[in-house]
Amino acid sequence: MEYEALTGTLWDKGTFWVTVAVLIFLFFFGKKIVGAITTMLDQRSAEIQRELDEASRLRAEAEAMLKDAETRREAALAQAKDMLAMAGREAERLAADLLAEAEASARRREQMAKERIAAAESAAVAEVREAAAALAALAAERVLKETIDAAHDQGLIDQAIIGLPAALRQKAA
């Protein structure tokens, strides 16, 4: 069969006419087919370009969002550091205030204790004085009862009445 394909005239063979038919078909419809394929490929290329542009836009948007998120994260970290520092300072201030308040309270209690001690001391001194005065009065009364009689008593009263105007003048001056 190979031998027959290679011998004889070219236009007597079916392959020749099939080839001619394909070439004529391609000549008439080739431009349309190529145009349709080209149009289809151009549309596909434009669609891919749109998708690439969209992907590029989305990537740029994502990068912007990432930058924004990083900026907000850094701001939040800075704010958290500031808040921690402020809380530390506030804690130190509160501790100092509490210490000062405790010291003031201790001083007040100490002062109150000193005042109570002084009041108790003066009350005790007054009580001792009262007791001593009462005892002295009682002793004077006994001594007077034992040593002074009615006549001597009358002489003392008269002497006190005579000295009363001079004592009043001396008090007034």
N, C-alpha and C. Protein backbone atom coordinates (compact mmCIF):
# COMPACT_ATOMS: atom_id res chain seq x y z
N MET A 1 0.81 -1.16 0.00
CA MET A 1 0.00 0.00 0.00
C MET A 1 0.87 1.25 0.00
N GLU A 2 1.95 1.20 0.63
CA GLU A 2 2.85 2.33 0.62
C GLU A 2 3.39 2.58 -0.79
N TYR A 3 3.56 1.51 -1.47
CA TYR A 3 4.09 1.65 -2.82
C TYR A 3 3.09 2.34 -3.71
N GLU A 4 1.85 2.05 -3.59
CA GLU A 4 0.81 2.67 -4.40
C GLU A 4 0.69 4.14 -4.07
N ALA A 5 0.90 4.51 -2.83
CA ALA A 5 0.77 5.89 -2.43
C ALA A 5 1.90 6.71 -3.01
N LEU A 6 3.02 6.08 -3.31
CA LEU A 6 4.16 6.81 -3.80
C LEU A 6 4.24 6.80 -5.34
N THR A 7 3.52 6.00 -6.01
CA THR A 7 3.58 5.93 -7.47
C THR A 7 2.33 6.52 -8.07
N GLY A 8 2.34 6.94 -9.28
CA GLY A 8 1.18 7.44 -10.00
C GLY A 8 1.10 8.95 -9.92
N THR A 9 0.05 9.51 -10.55
CA THR A 9 -0.11 10.95 -10.57
C THR A 9 -0.73 11.42 -9.28
N LEU A 10 -0.43 12.61 -8.96
CA LEU A 10 -0.80 13.19 -7.66
C LEU A 10 -2.30 13.39 -7.59
N TRP A 11 -2.98 13.81 -8.63
CA TRP A 11 -4.42 14.14 -8.56
C TRP A 11 -5.32 12.93 -8.68
N ASP A 12 -4.72 11.76 -8.88
CA ASP A 12 -5.51 10.54 -8.93
C ASP A 12 -5.73 9.98 -7.53
N LYS A 13 -5.10 10.51 -6.60
CA LYS A 13 -5.14 9.94 -5.26
C LYS A 13 -6.12 10.74 -4.39
N GLY A 14 -6.74 10.03 -3.42
CA GLY A 14 -7.74 10.67 -2.54
C GLY A 14 -7.10 11.60 -1.51
N THR A 15 -5.91 11.31 -1.10
CA THR A 15 -5.25 12.16 -0.12
C THR A 15 -4.98 13.53 -0.68
N PHE A 16 -4.69 13.55 -2.01
CA PHE A 16 -4.45 14.84 -2.63
C PHE A 16 -5.70 15.69 -2.56
N TRP A 17 -6.81 15.11 -2.90
CA TRP A 17 -8.05 15.88 -2.94
C TRP A 17 -8.52 16.24 -1.52
N VAL A 18 -8.25 15.42 -0.55
CA VAL A 18 -8.59 15.76 0.85
C VAL A 18 -7.74 16.94 1.30
N THR A 19 -6.47 16.92 0.92
CA THR A 19 -5.57 18.01 1.28
C THR A 19 -6.02 19.30 0.61
N VAL A 20 -6.41 19.22 -0.68
CA VAL A 20 -6.88 20.40 -1.39
C VAL A 20 -8.15 20.92 -0.74
N ALA A 21 -9.06 20.02 -0.37
CA ALA A 21 -10.32 20.43 0.25
C ALA A 21 -10.06 21.12 1.60
N VAL A 22 -9.13 20.59 2.35
CA VAL A 22 -8.79 21.19 3.66
C VAL A 22 -8.18 22.56 3.44
N LEU A 23 -7.32 22.71 2.41
CA LEU A 23 -6.70 24.00 2.15
C LEU A 23 -7.72 25.01 1.68
N ILE A 24 -8.66 24.59 0.81
CA ILE A 24 -9.73 25.50 0.36
C ILE A 24 -10.60 25.90 1.55
N PHE A 25 -10.93 24.89 2.37
CA PHE A 25 -11.75 25.17 3.57
C PHE A 25 -11.03 26.18 4.46
N LEU A 26 -9.75 25.97 4.64
CA LEU A 26 -8.98 26.87 5.50
C LEU A 26 -8.87 28.26 4.86
N PHE A 27 -8.77 28.30 3.53
CA PHE A 27 -8.66 29.58 2.86
C PHE A 27 -9.93 30.39 3.05
N PHE A 28 -11.08 29.77 2.89
CA PHE A 28 -12.33 30.50 3.02
C PHE A 28 -12.75 30.71 4.47
N PHE A 29 -12.63 29.69 5.27
CA PHE A 29 -13.12 29.78 6.65
C PHE A 29 -12.00 29.99 7.67
N GLY A 30 -10.76 29.96 7.22
CA GLY A 30 -9.63 30.10 8.12
C GLY A 30 -9.61 31.42 8.85
N LYS A 31 -9.92 32.50 8.05
CA LYS A 31 -9.94 33.82 8.69
C LYS A 31 -11.02 33.89 9.76
N LYS A 32 -12.19 33.31 9.44
CA LYS A 32 -13.28 33.33 10.42
C LYS A 32 -12.92 32.49 11.64
N ILE A 33 -12.37 31.33 11.39
CA ILE A 33 -12.01 30.44 12.50
C ILE A 33 -10.89 31.07 13.33
N VAL A 34 -9.88 31.59 12.60
CA VAL A 34 -8.78 32.23 13.31
C VAL A 34 -9.29 33.48 14.04
N GLY A 35 -10.17 34.24 13.38
CA GLY A 35 -10.76 35.42 14.02
C GLY A 35 -11.57 35.04 15.25
N ALA A 36 -12.36 33.97 15.13
CA ALA A 36 -13.16 33.53 16.27
C ALA A 36 -12.25 33.06 17.41
N ILE A 37 -11.22 32.30 17.03
CA ILE A 37 -10.28 31.80 18.05
C ILE A 37 -9.54 32.98 18.66
N THR A 38 -9.12 33.93 17.80
CA THR A 38 -8.42 35.11 18.29
C THR A 38 -9.32 35.93 19.20
N THR A 39 -10.59 36.11 18.79
CA THR A 39 -11.55 36.86 19.62
C THR A 39 -11.75 36.15 20.96
N MET A 40 -11.90 34.84 20.88
CA MET A 40 -12.09 34.07 22.10
C MET A 40 -10.85 34.17 23.00
N LEU A 41 -9.68 34.08 22.39
CA LEU A 41 -8.44 34.19 23.17
C LEU A 41 -8.27 35.60 23.72
N ASP A 42 -8.65 36.62 22.91
CA ASP A 42 -8.56 38.00 23.38
C ASP A 42 -9.51 38.23 24.56
N GLN A 43 -10.74 37.67 24.43
CA GLN A 43 -11.70 37.80 25.54
C GLN A 43 -11.16 37.12 26.80
N ARG A 44 -10.60 35.92 26.58
CA ARG A 44 -10.04 35.19 27.72
C ARG A 44 -8.86 35.97 28.31
N SER A 45 -8.04 36.55 27.43
CA SER A 45 -6.90 37.34 27.89
C SER A 45 -7.38 38.58 28.65
N ALA A 46 -8.44 39.24 28.13
CA ALA A 46 -8.99 40.42 28.82
C ALA A 46 -9.57 40.03 30.17
N GLU A 47 -10.26 38.88 30.21
CA GLU A 47 -10.83 38.40 31.48
C GLU A 47 -9.72 38.09 32.48
N ILE A 48 -8.65 37.45 31.99
CA ILE A 48 -7.52 37.14 32.87
C ILE A 48 -6.86 38.44 33.35
N GLN A 49 -6.76 39.43 32.44
CA GLN A 49 -6.18 40.73 32.82
C GLN A 49 -7.04 41.40 33.87
N ARG A 50 -8.39 41.34 33.68
CA ARG A 50 -9.29 41.91 34.69
C ARG A 50 -9.10 41.21 36.04
N GLU A 51 -9.01 39.90 36.00
CA GLU A 51 -8.80 39.15 37.24
C GLU A 51 -7.46 39.51 37.88
N LEU A 52 -6.43 39.67 37.03
CA LEU A 52 -5.12 40.08 37.56
C LEU A 52 -5.18 41.48 38.16
N ASP A 53 -5.89 42.40 37.45
CA ASP A 53 -6.05 43.75 37.99
C ASP A 53 -6.81 43.73 39.31
N GLU A 54 -7.88 42.91 39.33
CA GLU A 54 -8.67 42.78 40.57
C GLU A 54 -7.80 42.19 41.69
N ALA A 55 -7.01 41.18 41.34
CA ALA A 55 -6.12 40.57 42.34
C ALA A 55 -5.09 41.59 42.82
N SER A 56 -4.57 42.40 41.88
CA SER A 56 -3.60 43.42 42.26
C SER A 56 -4.25 44.46 43.16
N ARG A 57 -5.47 44.87 42.79
CA ARG A 57 -6.19 45.83 43.62
C ARG A 57 -6.47 45.25 45.01
N LEU A 58 -6.91 43.97 45.04
CA LEU A 58 -7.18 43.32 46.33
C LEU A 58 -5.90 43.18 47.15
N ARG A 59 -4.79 42.89 46.47
CA ARG A 59 -3.52 42.78 47.18
C ARG A 59 -3.12 44.13 47.78
N ALA A 60 -3.26 45.21 46.96
CA ALA A 60 -2.93 46.54 47.46
C ALA A 60 -3.83 46.90 48.63
N GLU A 61 -5.11 46.54 48.50
CA GLU A 61 -6.06 46.82 49.59
C GLU A 61 -5.69 46.02 50.83
N ALA A 62 -5.31 44.75 50.63
CA ALA A 62 -4.90 43.91 51.76
C ALA A 62 -3.63 44.44 52.41
N GLU A 63 -2.68 44.92 51.58
CA GLU A 63 -1.46 45.50 52.14
C GLU A 63 -1.76 46.76 52.93
N ALA A 64 -2.70 47.57 52.40
CA ALA A 64 -3.10 48.79 53.13
C ALA A 64 -3.77 48.41 54.45
N MET A 65 -4.63 47.38 54.39
CA MET A 65 -5.30 46.93 55.62
C MET A 65 -4.27 46.38 56.61
N LEU A 66 -3.27 45.66 56.10
CA LEU A 66 -2.22 45.13 56.96
C LEU A 66 -1.43 46.26 57.61
N LYS A 67 -1.08 47.26 56.81
CA LYS A 67 -0.36 48.42 57.36
C LYS A 67 -1.20 49.11 58.43
N ASP A 68 -2.48 49.28 58.12
CA ASP A 68 -3.39 49.92 59.07
C ASP A 68 -3.49 49.09 60.35
N ALA A 69 -3.61 47.76 60.18
CA ALA A 69 -3.69 46.88 61.35
C ALA A 69 -2.40 46.94 62.16
N GLU A 70 -1.25 46.97 61.46
CA GLU A 70 0.03 47.06 62.18
C GLU A 70 0.14 48.39 62.91
N THR A 71 -0.31 49.46 62.26
CA THR A 71 -0.28 50.78 62.90
C THR A 71 -1.17 50.79 64.13
N ARG A 72 -2.39 50.23 63.98
CA ARG A 72 -3.31 50.18 65.13
C ARG A 72 -2.74 49.30 66.23
N ARG A 73 -2.09 48.18 65.84
CA ARG A 73 -1.49 47.29 66.82
C ARG A 73 -0.38 48.01 67.59
N GLU A 74 0.48 48.73 66.84
CA GLU A 74 1.55 49.47 67.49
C GLU A 74 0.99 50.55 68.39
N ALA A 75 -0.07 51.23 67.92
CA ALA A 75 -0.70 52.25 68.76
C ALA A 75 -1.30 51.62 70.01
N ALA A 76 -1.93 50.45 69.84
CA ALA A 76 -2.52 49.77 71.00
C ALA A 76 -1.43 49.33 71.97
N LEU A 77 -0.30 48.83 71.43
CA LEU A 77 0.80 48.44 72.31
C LEU A 77 1.37 49.65 73.05
N ALA A 78 1.51 50.76 72.33
CA ALA A 78 2.01 51.98 72.98
C ALA A 78 1.03 52.44 74.05
N GLN A 79 -0.26 52.38 73.71
CA GLN A 79 -1.28 52.79 74.68
C GLN A 79 -1.25 51.86 75.89
N ALA A 80 -1.08 50.55 75.64
CA ALA A 80 -1.02 49.60 76.76
C ALA A 80 0.20 49.88 77.64
N LYS A 81 1.35 50.18 76.99
CA LYS A 81 2.55 50.52 77.77
C LYS A 81 2.31 51.77 78.60
N ASP A 82 1.68 52.78 77.98
CA ASP A 82 1.37 54.01 78.71
C ASP A 82 0.44 53.73 79.88
N MET A 83 -0.57 52.88 79.61
CA MET A 83 -1.52 52.56 80.68
C MET A 83 -0.82 51.82 81.82
N LEU A 84 0.09 50.89 81.47
CA LEU A 84 0.82 50.18 82.51
C LEU A 84 1.71 51.13 83.30
N ALA A 85 2.38 52.03 82.59
CA ALA A 85 3.23 53.00 83.29
C ALA A 85 2.39 53.89 84.19
N MET A 86 1.24 54.34 83.67
CA MET A 86 0.37 55.21 84.46
C MET A 86 -0.18 54.44 85.66
N ALA A 87 -0.53 53.17 85.45
CA ALA A 87 -1.03 52.36 86.57
C ALA A 87 0.06 52.18 87.62
N GLY A 88 1.31 51.99 87.17
CA GLY A 88 2.42 51.86 88.12
C GLY A 88 2.61 53.14 88.92
N ARG A 89 2.57 54.27 88.20
CA ARG A 89 2.71 55.55 88.90
C ARG A 89 1.55 55.76 89.87
N GLU A 90 0.35 55.41 89.44
CA GLU A 90 -0.83 55.56 90.30
C GLU A 90 -0.72 54.66 91.52
N ALA A 91 -0.21 53.44 91.33
CA ALA A 91 -0.04 52.52 92.45
C ALA A 91 0.99 53.07 93.43
N GLU A 92 2.09 53.61 92.89
CA GLU A 92 3.11 54.21 93.77
C GLU A 92 2.54 55.40 94.54
N ARG A 93 1.75 56.23 93.83
CA ARG A 93 1.14 57.38 94.48
C ARG A 93 0.17 56.94 95.57
N LEU A 94 -0.66 55.92 95.25
CA LEU A 94 -1.60 55.42 96.25
C LEU A 94 -0.87 54.83 97.45
N ALA A 95 0.23 54.10 97.17
CA ALA A 95 1.01 53.52 98.27
C ALA A 95 1.58 54.63 99.15
N ALA A 96 2.10 55.68 98.51
CA ALA A 96 2.65 56.82 99.27
C ALA A 96 1.54 57.51 100.06
N ASP A 97 0.37 57.69 99.43
CA ASP A 97 -0.76 58.32 100.13
C ASP A 97 -1.19 57.47 101.33
N LEU A 98 -1.28 56.15 101.12
CA LEU A 98 -1.68 55.27 102.22
C LEU A 98 -0.65 55.30 103.35
N LEU A 99 0.63 55.33 102.97
CA LEU A 99 1.68 55.39 103.98
C LEU A 99 1.58 56.70 104.76
N ALA A 100 1.40 57.81 104.04
CA ALA A 100 1.28 59.11 104.70
C ALA A 100 0.04 59.13 105.59
N GLU A 101 -1.05 58.56 105.09
CA GLU A 101 -2.29 58.53 105.89
C GLU A 101 -2.11 57.66 107.13
N ALA A 102 -1.41 56.54 106.99
CA ALA A 102 -1.15 55.67 108.14
C ALA A 102 -0.27 56.37 109.16
N GLU A 103 0.75 57.09 108.67
CA GLU A 103 1.62 57.82 109.59
C GLU A 103 0.85 58.92 110.30
N ALA A 104 0.00 59.64 109.57
CA ALA A 104 -0.81 60.70 110.18
C ALA A 104 -1.76 60.10 111.21
N SER A 105 -2.36 58.97 110.87
CA SER A 105 -3.27 58.31 111.81
C SER A 105 -2.51 57.87 113.07
N ALA A 106 -1.30 57.35 112.88
CA ALA A 106 -0.50 56.94 114.04
C ALA A 106 -0.15 58.15 114.90
N ARG A 107 0.21 59.27 114.23
CA ARG A 107 0.51 60.49 115.00
C ARG A 107 -0.73 60.98 115.76
N ARG A 108 -1.89 60.95 115.09
CA ARG A 108 -3.12 61.37 115.76
C ARG A 108 -3.42 60.48 116.97
N ARG A 109 -3.26 59.17 116.78
CA ARG A 109 -3.52 58.25 117.90
C ARG A 109 -2.52 58.47 119.03
N GLU A 110 -1.26 58.72 118.66
CA GLU A 110 -0.25 58.99 119.66
C GLU A 110 -0.60 60.27 120.43
N GLN A 111 -1.01 61.31 119.69
CA GLN A 111 -1.39 62.58 120.32
C GLN A 111 -2.60 62.36 121.23
N MET A 112 -3.58 61.59 120.73
CA MET A 112 -4.76 61.33 121.56
C MET A 112 -4.37 60.56 122.81
N ALA A 113 -3.45 59.60 122.68
CA ALA A 113 -3.00 58.84 123.85
C ALA A 113 -2.29 59.75 124.83
N LYS A 114 -1.43 60.66 124.29
CA LYS A 114 -0.74 61.61 125.17
C LYS A 114 -1.75 62.49 125.89
N GLU A 115 -2.78 62.96 125.14
CA GLU A 115 -3.79 63.81 125.77
C GLU A 115 -4.56 63.05 126.85
N ARG A 116 -4.88 61.77 126.58
CA ARG A 116 -5.59 60.96 127.58
C ARG A 116 -4.72 60.76 128.82
N ILE A 117 -3.42 60.50 128.55
CA ILE A 117 -2.50 60.32 129.69
C ILE A 117 -2.41 61.60 130.49
N ALA A 118 -2.28 62.75 129.78
CA ALA A 118 -2.20 64.04 130.47
C ALA A 118 -3.48 64.30 131.25
N ALA A 119 -4.63 63.99 130.64
CA ALA A 119 -5.91 64.21 131.33
C ALA A 119 -6.01 63.30 132.56
N ALA A 120 -5.59 62.04 132.39
CA ALA A 120 -5.63 61.12 133.53
C ALA A 120 -4.67 61.57 134.62
N GLU A 121 -3.50 62.07 134.20
CA GLU A 121 -2.51 62.57 135.15
C GLU A 121 -3.05 63.76 135.92
N SER A 122 -3.64 64.74 135.17
CA SER A 122 -4.17 65.91 135.87
C SER A 122 -5.37 65.53 136.74
N ALA A 123 -6.17 64.55 136.28
CA ALA A 123 -7.28 64.10 137.13
C ALA A 123 -6.74 63.45 138.40
N ALA A 124 -5.67 62.65 138.21
CA ALA A 124 -5.08 62.00 139.39
C ALA A 124 -4.48 63.04 140.33
N VAL A 125 -3.79 64.06 139.77
CA VAL A 125 -3.21 65.13 140.60
C VAL A 125 -4.32 65.87 141.33
N ALA A 126 -5.42 66.18 140.59
CA ALA A 126 -6.54 66.90 141.22
C ALA A 126 -7.15 66.04 142.32
N GLU A 127 -7.27 64.75 142.06
CA GLU A 127 -7.84 63.84 143.06
C GLU A 127 -6.95 63.78 144.30
N VAL A 128 -5.61 63.72 144.03
CA VAL A 128 -4.68 63.68 145.15
C VAL A 128 -4.74 65.00 145.92
N ARG A 129 -4.85 66.14 145.18
CA ARG A 129 -4.95 67.44 145.86
C ARG A 129 -6.23 67.52 146.69
N GLU A 130 -7.32 67.03 146.08
CA GLU A 130 -8.60 67.04 146.82
C GLU A 130 -8.49 66.21 148.09
N ALA A 131 -7.88 65.03 147.90
CA ALA A 131 -7.72 64.15 149.07
C ALA A 131 -6.82 64.82 150.11
N ALA A 132 -5.73 65.47 149.62
CA ALA A 132 -4.81 66.14 150.55
C ALA A 132 -5.50 67.32 151.22
N ALA A 133 -6.31 68.07 150.44
CA ALA A 133 -7.02 69.21 151.01
C ALA A 133 -8.06 68.72 152.03
N ALA A 134 -8.75 67.64 151.66
CA ALA A 134 -9.75 67.10 152.60
C ALA A 134 -9.07 66.60 153.87
N LEU A 135 -7.93 65.94 153.67
CA LEU A 135 -7.19 65.44 154.82
C LEU A 135 -6.65 66.60 155.66
N ALA A 136 -6.15 67.67 154.96
CA ALA A 136 -5.64 68.84 155.68
C ALA A 136 -6.77 69.54 156.42
N ALA A 137 -7.93 69.63 155.78
CA ALA A 137 -9.08 70.26 156.43
C ALA A 137 -9.50 69.45 157.65
N LEU A 138 -9.52 68.14 157.47
CA LEU A 138 -9.90 67.27 158.58
C LEU A 138 -8.88 67.40 159.73
N ALA A 139 -7.59 67.45 159.38
CA ALA A 139 -6.55 67.59 160.40
C ALA A 139 -6.65 68.96 161.07
N ALA A 140 -6.91 70.02 160.27
CA ALA A 140 -7.04 71.36 160.83
C ALA A 140 -8.24 71.42 161.75
N GLU A 141 -9.31 70.75 161.34
CA GLU A 141 -10.52 70.74 162.17
C GLU A 141 -10.23 70.06 163.50
N ARG A 142 -9.52 68.98 163.46
CA ARG A 142 -9.19 68.26 164.69
C ARG A 142 -8.29 69.12 165.59
N VAL A 143 -7.28 69.73 164.92
CA VAL A 143 -6.36 70.56 165.68
C VAL A 143 -7.12 71.73 166.30
N LEU A 144 -7.99 72.35 165.53
CA LEU A 144 -8.74 73.48 166.02
C LEU A 144 -9.69 73.06 167.14
N LYS A 145 -10.31 71.92 167.01
CA LYS A 145 -11.22 71.45 168.04
C LYS A 145 -10.47 71.20 169.34
N GLU A 146 -9.28 70.69 169.14
CA GLU A 146 -8.51 70.35 170.33
C GLU A 146 -7.86 71.58 170.96
N THR A 147 -7.51 72.61 170.18
CA THR A 147 -6.74 73.72 170.72
C THR A 147 -7.54 75.00 170.92
N ILE A 148 -8.63 75.19 170.26
CA ILE A 148 -9.34 76.46 170.34
C ILE A 148 -10.65 76.25 171.10
N ASP A 149 -10.89 77.16 172.04
CA ASP A 149 -12.14 77.11 172.79
C ASP A 149 -13.03 78.25 172.34
N ALA A 150 -14.16 78.49 172.94
CA ALA A 150 -15.14 79.47 172.49
C ALA A 150 -14.62 80.89 172.64
N ALA A 151 -13.90 81.21 173.66
CA ALA A 151 -13.40 82.57 173.87
C ALA A 151 -12.33 82.90 172.84
N HIS A 152 -11.49 81.99 172.60
CA HIS A 152 -10.45 82.19 171.61
C HIS A 152 -11.06 82.31 170.22
N ASP A 153 -12.12 81.54 170.01
CA ASP A 153 -12.85 81.55 168.75
C ASP A 153 -13.46 82.92 168.52
N GLN A 154 -14.05 83.54 169.52
CA GLN A 154 -14.68 84.84 169.40
C GLN A 154 -13.64 85.89 169.08
N GLY A 155 -12.46 85.79 169.61
CA GLY A 155 -11.38 86.74 169.36
C GLY A 155 -10.91 86.66 167.91
N LEU A 156 -10.82 85.49 167.39
CA LEU A 156 -10.40 85.29 165.99
C LEU A 156 -11.43 85.86 165.03
N ILE A 157 -12.71 85.67 165.31
CA ILE A 157 -13.78 86.18 164.45
C ILE A 157 -13.76 87.70 164.48
N ASP A 158 -13.59 88.30 165.63
CA ASP A 158 -13.55 89.76 165.72
C ASP A 158 -12.35 90.31 164.95
N GLN A 159 -11.24 89.66 165.05
CA GLN A 159 -10.04 90.10 164.36
C GLN A 159 -10.24 90.00 162.84
N ALA A 160 -10.90 88.97 162.35
CA ALA A 160 -11.15 88.78 160.92
C ALA A 160 -12.10 89.84 160.41
N ILE A 161 -13.10 90.24 161.21
CA ILE A 161 -14.06 91.26 160.79
C ILE A 161 -13.36 92.61 160.72
N ILE A 162 -12.46 92.88 161.64
CA ILE A 162 -11.74 94.16 161.62
C ILE A 162 -10.82 94.22 160.39
N GLY A 163 -10.20 93.14 160.01
CA GLY A 163 -9.27 93.12 158.88
C GLY A 163 -9.97 92.99 157.53
N LEU A 164 -11.27 92.78 157.52
CA LEU A 164 -12.02 92.58 156.27
C LEU A 164 -12.03 93.82 155.38
N PRO A 165 -12.30 95.08 155.87
CA PRO A 165 -12.29 96.21 154.95
C PRO A 165 -10.94 96.43 154.31
N ALA A 166 -9.85 96.24 155.05
CA ALA A 166 -8.51 96.44 154.48
C ALA A 166 -8.24 95.40 153.42
N ALA A 167 -8.66 94.17 153.62
CA ALA A 167 -8.45 93.09 152.67
C ALA A 167 -9.27 93.36 151.39
N LEU A 168 -10.47 93.90 151.55
CA LEU A 168 -11.33 94.20 150.38
C LEU A 168 -10.73 95.34 149.57
N ARG A 169 -10.19 96.36 150.25
CA ARG A 169 -9.56 97.45 149.53
C ARG A 169 -8.33 96.97 148.77
N GLN A 170 -7.60 96.12 149.41
CA GLN A 170 -6.40 95.58 148.77
C GLN A 170 -6.78 94.74 147.55
N LYS A 171 -7.84 94.03 147.60
CA LYS A 171 -8.34 93.21 146.46
C LYS A 171 -8.85 94.11 145.36
N ALA A 172 -9.50 95.23 145.69
CA ALA A 172 -10.07 96.13 144.70
C ALA A 172 -8.97 96.87 143.94
N ALA A 173 -7.88 97.15 144.61
CA ALA A 173 -6.78 97.90 143.99
C ALA A 173 -6.01 96.97 143.15
